[in-house]
């Protein structure tokens, strides 16, 4: 695996775990008051990396599945190379 792909897959895993933690952690969930109603969408979410979800791609990323069954694919793509000083 090339260095660029390794970095993208590493970042994808970090973001995936953070999102899953938010969905799993009762302390980070908000009450479903009108002000925080949009936060309720995170309850019961699941994440799988592309390989585990069976997505046929070499891209780094993961699938987010919400409690209502809707799915979202998050792809991590490097847009610029690091600059050297």
Protein backbone atom coordinates (compact mmCIF):
# COMPACT_ATOMS: atom_id res chain seq x y z
CA UNK A 1 0.00 0.00 0.00
CA UNK A 2 1.40 3.42 -0.96
CA UNK A 3 2.12 6.04 1.73
CA UNK A 4 -0.72 8.27 0.43
CA UNK A 5 -3.21 5.41 0.65
CA UNK A 6 -1.99 4.53 4.14
CA UNK A 7 -2.56 8.10 5.36
CA UNK A 8 -6.04 8.22 3.83
CA UNK A 9 -7.03 4.86 5.32
CA UNK A 10 -5.64 5.88 8.71
CA UNK A 11 -7.64 9.12 8.68
CA UNK A 12 -10.74 7.24 7.55
CA UNK A 13 -10.43 4.82 10.48
CA UNK A 14 -10.00 7.66 12.98
CA UNK A 15 -13.08 9.50 11.71
CA UNK A 16 -15.10 6.27 11.58
CA UNK A 17 -14.25 5.37 15.19
CA UNK A 18 -14.99 8.89 16.41
CA UNK A 19 -18.39 8.91 14.72
CA UNK A 20 -19.23 5.46 16.07
CA UNK A 21 -18.20 6.56 19.58
CA UNK A 22 -20.53 9.56 19.37
CA UNK A 23 -23.38 7.29 18.29
CA UNK A 24 -22.67 4.78 21.07
CA UNK A 25 -21.93 7.13 23.99
CA UNK A 26 -25.00 8.13 25.98
CA UNK A 27 -23.10 11.07 27.51
CA UNK A 28 -22.64 12.69 24.07
CA UNK A 29 -26.27 12.30 23.04
CA UNK A 30 -28.57 15.27 23.44
CA UNK A 31 -32.14 15.19 24.65
CA UNK A 32 -34.52 15.39 21.73
CA UNK A 33 -35.69 18.89 22.54
CA UNK A 34 -36.50 21.18 19.65
CA UNK A 35 -33.08 22.83 19.94
CA UNK A 36 -31.19 19.53 19.63
CA UNK A 37 -33.58 17.42 17.56
CA UNK A 38 -31.04 16.95 14.75
CA UNK A 39 -28.64 15.18 17.18
CA UNK A 40 -31.15 12.33 17.59
CA UNK A 41 -30.18 11.07 14.11
CA UNK A 42 -26.91 9.77 15.64
CA UNK A 43 -28.64 7.32 17.97
CA UNK A 44 -28.18 3.77 16.79
CA UNK A 45 -25.84 4.60 13.91
CA UNK A 46 -23.43 1.94 12.68
CA UNK A 47 -20.22 2.30 10.69
CA UNK A 48 -18.27 -0.18 8.56
CA UNK A 49 -15.18 0.45 6.49
CA UNK A 50 -15.63 0.00 2.75
CA UNK A 51 -14.06 -3.47 2.76
CA UNK A 52 -16.33 -4.78 5.55
CA UNK A 53 -19.38 -3.21 3.88
CA UNK A 54 -18.53 -4.88 0.56
CA UNK A 55 -18.01 -1.61 -1.33
CA UNK A 56 -15.94 -2.37 -4.42
CA UNK A 57 -13.36 0.42 -4.35
CA UNK A 58 -9.74 1.06 -3.49
CA UNK A 59 -10.66 4.42 -1.93
CA UNK A 60 -10.40 5.01 1.80
CA UNK A 61 -13.75 5.46 3.49
CA UNK A 62 -16.63 3.97 5.36
CA UNK A 63 -20.40 3.50 5.27
CA UNK A 64 -22.63 5.10 7.91
CA UNK A 65 -25.97 3.38 8.48
CA UNK A 66 -28.58 5.25 10.52
CA UNK A 67 -31.22 3.62 12.70
CA UNK A 68 -33.85 4.19 9.99
CA UNK A 69 -31.76 2.14 7.53
CA UNK A 70 -30.52 5.03 5.39
CA UNK A 71 -26.87 4.72 4.36
CA UNK A 72 -24.17 7.25 3.57
CA UNK A 73 -20.75 6.60 2.08
CA UNK A 74 -17.93 8.80 3.36
CA UNK A 75 -14.85 8.82 1.09
CA UNK A 76 -11.52 10.28 2.18
CA UNK A 77 -9.55 11.82 -0.69
CA UNK A 78 -6.37 13.86 -0.29
CA UNK A 79 -6.81 17.14 -2.20
CA UNK A 80 -3.24 18.48 -1.87
CA UNK A 81 0.17 17.11 -1.08
CA UNK A 82 2.00 18.41 1.99
CA UNK A 83 4.34 21.32 1.42
CA UNK A 84 7.97 21.02 2.42
CA UNK A 85 9.87 23.87 4.06
